[in-house]
Amino acid sequence: MATVKCPVCGLDVEVPEDVVSGELVEHDCGVVLEIVESGGRLALRVFGGVEEDWGE
């Protein structure tokens, strides 16, 4: 397991070693976080949901 800081509450979030960029995890503080991999490092960002573009 890897440990990454929650961008909302600052507490540790444990993520599996085989996690891939784009996966979603729920944290104890109630926020849904998206896994982001950049340059071989894992980071978390608040997941904003899927936005509709209504064909525009």
PDB file of N, CA and C in Angstrom:
ATOM      1  N   MET A   1       0.832  -1.187   0.000  1.00  0.00           N
ATOM      2  CA  MET A   1       0.000   0.000   0.000  1.00  0.00           C
ATOM      3  C   MET A   1       0.875   1.249   0.000  1.00  0.00           C
ATOM      4  N   ALA A   2       0.455   2.213  -0.782  1.00  0.00           N
ATOM      5  CA  ALA A   2       1.111   3.517  -0.795  1.00  0.00           C
ATOM      6  C   ALA A   2       0.245   4.475   0.019  1.00  0.00           C
ATOM      7  N   THR A   3       0.858   5.492   0.555  1.00  0.00           N
ATOM      8  CA  THR A   3       0.137   6.481   1.342  1.00  0.00           C
ATOM      9  C   THR A   3       0.283   7.845   0.688  1.00  0.00           C
ATOM     10  N   VAL A   4      -0.868   8.523   0.509  1.00  0.00           N
ATOM     11  CA  VAL A   4      -0.903   9.846  -0.107  1.00  0.00           C
ATOM     12  C   VAL A   4      -1.768  10.733   0.782  1.00  0.00           C
ATOM     13  N   LYS A   5      -1.452  12.021   0.877  1.00  0.00           N
ATOM     14  CA  LYS A   5      -2.215  12.953   1.709  1.00  0.00           C
ATOM     15  C   LYS A   5      -3.512  13.375   1.018  1.00  0.00           C
ATOM     16  N   CYS A   6      -4.589  13.434   1.779  1.00  0.00           N
ATOM     17  CA  CYS A   6      -5.871  13.925   1.276  1.00  0.00           C
ATOM     18  C   CYS A   6      -5.764  15.438   1.081  1.00  0.00           C
ATOM     19  N   PRO A   7      -6.149  15.962  -0.096  1.00  0.00           N
ATOM     20  CA  PRO A   7      -6.055  17.402  -0.332  1.00  0.00           C
ATOM     21  C   PRO A   7      -7.101  18.201   0.426  1.00  0.00           C
ATOM     22  N   VAL A   8      -8.083  17.530   1.029  1.00  0.00           N
ATOM     23  CA  VAL A   8      -9.139  18.230   1.766  1.00  0.00           C
ATOM     24  C   VAL A   8      -8.816  18.312   3.250  1.00  0.00           C
ATOM     25  N   CYS A   9      -8.571  17.146   3.875  1.00  0.00           N
ATOM     26  CA  CYS A   9      -8.369  17.130   5.324  1.00  0.00           C
ATOM     27  C   CYS A   9      -6.910  16.967   5.747  1.00  0.00           C
ATOM     28  N   GLY A  10      -6.037  16.558   4.804  1.00  0.00           N
ATOM     29  CA  GLY A  10      -4.616  16.419   5.111  1.00  0.00           C
ATOM     30  C   GLY A  10      -4.230  15.098   5.743  1.00  0.00           C
ATOM     31  N   LEU A  11      -5.197  14.216   5.987  1.00  0.00           N
ATOM     32  CA  LEU A  11      -4.878  12.915   6.561  1.00  0.00           C
ATOM     33  C   LEU A  11      -4.389  11.962   5.482  1.00  0.00           C
ATOM     34  N   ASP A  12      -3.751  10.880   5.914  1.00  0.00           N
ATOM     35  CA  ASP A  12      -3.227   9.888   4.981  1.00  0.00           C
ATOM     36  C   ASP A  12      -4.349   9.080   4.348  1.00  0.00           C
ATOM     37  N   VAL A  13      -4.186   8.783   3.069  1.00  0.00           N
ATOM     38  CA  VAL A  13      -5.094   7.902   2.333  1.00  0.00           C
ATOM     39  C   VAL A  13      -4.250   6.750   1.825  1.00  0.00           C
ATOM     40  N   GLU A  14      -4.641   5.521   2.161  1.00  0.00           N
ATOM     41  CA  GLU A  14      -3.908   4.350   1.688  1.00  0.00           C
ATOM     42  C   GLU A  14      -4.487   3.922   0.347  1.00  0.00           C
ATOM     43  N   VAL A  15      -3.619   3.779  -0.637  1.00  0.00           N
ATOM     44  CA  VAL A  15      -4.030   3.330  -1.964  1.00  0.00           C
ATOM     45  C   VAL A  15      -3.221   2.088  -2.325  1.00  0.00           C
ATOM     46  N   PRO A  16      -3.856   1.124  -2.999  1.00  0.00           N
ATOM     47  CA  PRO A  16      -3.147  -0.107  -3.367  1.00  0.00           C
ATOM     48  C   PRO A  16      -1.983   0.176  -4.315  1.00  0.00           C
ATOM     49  N   GLU A  17      -0.993  -0.689  -4.296  1.00  0.00           N
ATOM     50  CA  GLU A  17       0.180  -0.535  -5.159  1.00  0.00           C
ATOM     51  C   GLU A  17      -0.178  -0.631  -6.638  1.00  0.00           C
ATOM     52  N   ASP A  18      -1.240  -1.388  -6.965  1.00  0.00           N
ATOM     53  CA  ASP A  18      -1.612  -1.593  -8.365  1.00  0.00           C
ATOM     54  C   ASP A  18      -2.651  -0.588  -8.865  1.00  0.00           C
ATOM     55  N   VAL A  19      -2.805   0.521  -8.160  1.00  0.00           N
ATOM     56  CA  VAL A  19      -3.778   1.541  -8.550  1.00  0.00           C
ATOM     57  C   VAL A  19      -3.359   2.195  -9.870  1.00  0.00           C
ATOM     58  N   VAL A  20      -4.352   2.614 -10.654  1.00  0.00           N
ATOM     59  CA  VAL A  20      -4.054   3.289 -11.918  1.00  0.00           C
ATOM     60  C   VAL A  20      -4.671   4.678 -11.905  1.00  0.00           C
ATOM     61  N   SER A  21      -4.065   5.550 -12.669  1.00  0.00           N
ATOM     62  CA  SER A  21      -4.541   6.926 -12.766  1.00  0.00           C
ATOM     63  C   SER A  21      -5.991   6.926 -13.234  1.00  0.00           C
ATOM     64  N   GLY A  22      -6.817   7.728 -12.587  1.00  0.00           N
ATOM     65  CA  GLY A  22      -8.225   7.823 -12.939  1.00  0.00           C
ATOM     66  C   GLY A  22      -9.146   7.059 -11.999  1.00  0.00           C
ATOM     67  N   GLU A  23      -8.591   6.158 -11.180  1.00  0.00           N
ATOM     68  CA  GLU A  23      -9.418   5.418 -10.228  1.00  0.00           C
ATOM     69  C   GLU A  23      -9.942   6.371  -9.158  1.00  0.00           C
ATOM     70  N   LEU A  24     -11.090   6.037  -8.601  1.00  0.00           N
ATOM     71  CA  LEU A  24     -11.701   6.842  -7.558  1.00  0.00           C
ATOM     72  C   LEU A  24     -11.625   6.112  -6.231  1.00  0.00           C
ATOM     73  N   VAL A  25     -11.383   6.871  -5.165  1.00  0.00           N
ATOM     74  CA  VAL A  25     -11.390   6.323  -3.812  1.00  0.00           C
ATOM     75  C   VAL A  25     -12.205   7.247  -2.923  1.00  0.00           C
ATOM     76  N   GLU A  26     -12.926   6.644  -1.973  1.00  0.00           N
ATOM     77  CA  GLU A  26     -13.652   7.428  -0.983  1.00  0.00           C
ATOM     78  C   GLU A  26     -12.777   7.530   0.247  1.00  0.00           C
ATOM     79  N   HIS A  27     -12.739   8.726   0.826  1.00  0.00           N
ATOM     80  CA  HIS A  27     -11.929   8.927   2.027  1.00  0.00           C
ATOM     81  C   HIS A  27     -12.836   9.104   3.231  1.00  0.00           C
ATOM     82  N   ASP A  28     -12.284   8.891   4.415  1.00  0.00           N
ATOM     83  CA  ASP A  28     -13.047   8.977   5.659  1.00  0.00           C
ATOM     84  C   ASP A  28     -13.688  10.335   5.888  1.00  0.00           C
ATOM     85  N   CYS A  29     -13.138  11.396   5.293  1.00  0.00           N
ATOM     86  CA  CYS A  29     -13.687  12.735   5.504  1.00  0.00           C
ATOM     87  C   CYS A  29     -14.919  12.974   4.629  1.00  0.00           C
ATOM     88  N   GLY A  30     -15.295  11.970   3.802  1.00  0.00           N
ATOM     89  CA  GLY A  30     -16.514  12.054   3.023  1.00  0.00           C
ATOM     90  C   GLY A  30     -16.352  12.522   1.593  1.00  0.00           C
ATOM     91  N   VAL A  31     -15.136  12.762   1.163  1.00  0.00           N
ATOM     92  CA  VAL A  31     -14.892  13.252  -0.186  1.00  0.00           C
ATOM     93  C   VAL A  31     -14.482  12.094  -1.100  1.00  0.00           C
ATOM     94  N   VAL A  32     -14.842  12.206  -2.378  1.00  0.00           N
ATOM     95  CA  VAL A  32     -14.413  11.228  -3.377  1.00  0.00           C
ATOM     96  C   VAL A  32     -13.190  11.814  -4.075  1.00  0.00           C
ATOM     97  N   LEU A  33     -12.122  11.037  -4.115  1.00  0.00           N
ATOM     98  CA  LEU A  33     -10.855  11.504  -4.664  1.00  0.00           C
ATOM     99  C   LEU A  33     -10.491  10.709  -5.904  1.00  0.00           C
ATOM    100  N   GLU A  34      -9.865  11.376  -6.851  1.00  0.00           N
ATOM    101  CA  GLU A  34      -9.385  10.742  -8.073  1.00  0.00           C
ATOM    102  C   GLU A  34      -7.875  10.578  -7.982  1.00  0.00           C
ATOM    103  N   ILE A  35      -7.402   9.387  -8.319  1.00  0.00           N
ATOM    104  CA  ILE A  35      -5.969   9.107  -8.343  1.00  0.00           C
ATOM    105  C   ILE A  35      -5.382   9.737  -9.600  1.00  0.00           C
ATOM    106  N   VAL A  36      -4.297  10.484  -9.421  1.00  0.00           N
ATOM    107  CA  VAL A  36      -3.602  11.097 -10.549  1.00  0.00           C
ATOM    108  C   VAL A  36      -2.145  10.691 -10.454  1.00  0.00           C
ATOM    109  N   GLU A  37      -1.609  10.152 -11.553  1.00  0.00           N
ATOM    110  CA  GLU A  37      -0.196   9.766 -11.585  1.00  0.00           C
ATOM    111  C   GLU A  37       0.543  10.714 -12.511  1.00  0.00           C
ATOM    112  N   SER A  38       1.608  11.274 -11.994  1.00  0.00           N
ATOM    113  CA  SER A  38       2.393  12.212 -12.785  1.00  0.00           C
ATOM    114  C   SER A  38       3.865  11.973 -12.501  1.00  0.00           C
ATOM    115  N   GLY A  39       4.596  11.607 -13.523  1.00  0.00           N
ATOM    116  CA  GLY A  39       6.027  11.379 -13.354  1.00  0.00           C
ATOM    117  C   GLY A  39       6.345  10.246 -12.398  1.00  0.00           C
ATOM    118  N   GLY A  40       5.469   9.239 -12.343  1.00  0.00           N
ATOM    119  CA  GLY A  40       5.705   8.104 -11.466  1.00  0.00           C
ATOM    120  C   GLY A  40       5.276   8.319 -10.032  1.00  0.00           C
ATOM    121  N   ARG A  41       4.710   9.474  -9.724  1.00  0.00           N
ATOM    122  CA  ARG A  41       4.256   9.781  -8.366  1.00  0.00           C
ATOM    123  C   ARG A  41       2.739   9.820  -8.334  1.00  0.00           C
ATOM    124  N   LEU A  42       2.167   9.366  -7.234  1.00  0.00           N
ATOM    125  CA  LEU A  42       0.723   9.398  -7.061  1.00  0.00           C
ATOM    126  C   LEU A  42       0.306  10.676  -6.354  1.00  0.00           C
ATOM    127  N   ALA A  43      -0.819  11.211  -6.772  1.00  0.00           N
ATOM    128  CA  ALA A  43      -1.408  12.365  -6.111  1.00  0.00           C
ATOM    129  C   ALA A  43      -2.916  12.169  -6.113  1.00  0.00           C
ATOM    130  N   LEU A  44      -3.601  12.952  -5.318  1.00  0.00           N
ATOM    131  CA  LEU A  44      -5.058  12.878  -5.237  1.00  0.00           C
ATOM    132  C   LEU A  44      -5.646  14.244  -5.533  1.00  0.00           C
ATOM    133  N   ARG A  45      -6.811  14.237  -6.201  1.00  0.00           N
ATOM    134  CA  ARG A  45      -7.544  15.490  -6.372  1.00  0.00           C
ATOM    135  C   ARG A  45      -9.015  15.192  -6.157  1.00  0.00           C
ATOM    136  N   VAL A  46      -9.742  16.202  -5.751  1.00  0.00           N
ATOM    137  CA  VAL A  46     -11.168  16.043  -5.499  1.00  0.00           C
ATOM    138  C   VAL A  46     -11.863  15.744  -6.823  1.00  0.00           C
ATOM    139  N   PHE A  47     -12.679  14.689  -6.811  1.00  0.00           N
ATOM    140  CA  PHE A  47     -13.395  14.298  -8.013  1.00  0.00           C
ATOM    141  C   PHE A  47     -14.617  15.182  -8.166  1.00  0.00           C
ATOM    142  N   GLY A  48     -14.710  15.865  -9.314  1.00  0.00           N
ATOM    143  CA  GLY A  48     -15.802  16.789  -9.552  1.00  0.00           C
ATOM    144  C   GLY A  48     -17.009  16.157 -10.204  1.00  0.00           C
ATOM    145  N   GLY A  49     -16.955  14.884 -10.506  1.00  0.00           N
ATOM    146  CA  GLY A  49     -18.064  14.209 -11.151  1.00  0.00           C
ATOM    147  C   GLY A  49     -17.959  14.295 -12.656  1.00  0.00           C
ATOM    148  N   VAL A  50     -18.872  13.620 -13.305  1.00  0.00           N
ATOM    149  CA  VAL A  50     -18.917  13.609 -14.758  1.00  0.00           C
ATOM    150  C   VAL A  50     -19.833  14.721 -15.199  1.00  0.00           C
ATOM    151  N   GLU A  51     -19.321  15.604 -16.042  1.00  0.00           N
ATOM    152  CA  GLU A  51     -20.123  16.731 -16.508  1.00  0.00           C
ATOM    153  C   GLU A  51     -20.748  16.414 -17.857  1.00  0.00           C
ATOM    154  N   GLU A  52     -21.987  16.815 -18.024  1.00  0.00           N
ATOM    155  CA  GLU A  52     -22.683  16.644 -19.302  1.00  0.00           C
ATOM    156  C   GLU A  52     -22.288  17.751 -20.245  1.00  0.00           C
ATOM    157  N   ASP A  53     -22.108  17.411 -21.514  1.00  0.00           N
ATOM    158  CA  ASP A  53     -21.837  18.466 -22.494  1.00  0.00           C
ATOM    159  C   ASP A  53     -23.027  18.648 -23.440  1.00  0.00           C
ATOM    160  N   TRP A  54     -24.042  17.768 -23.278  1.00  0.00           N
ATOM    161  CA  TRP A  54     -25.273  17.868 -24.048  1.00  0.00           C
ATOM    162  C   TRP A  54     -25.008  18.018 -25.548  1.00  0.00           C
ATOM    163  N   GLY A  55     -23.951  17.372 -26.031  1.00  0.00           N
ATOM    164  CA  GLY A  55     -23.651  17.373 -27.455  1.00  0.00           C
ATOM    165  C   GLY A  55     -23.101  18.672 -28.001  1.00  0.00           C
ATOM    166  N   GLU A  56     -22.672  19.527 -27.109  1.00  0.00           N
ATOM    167  CA  GLU A  56     -22.134  20.827 -27.555  1.00  0.00           C
ATOM    168  C   GLU A  56     -20.680  20.714 -27.885  1.00  0.00           C
TER     169      GLU A  56
END
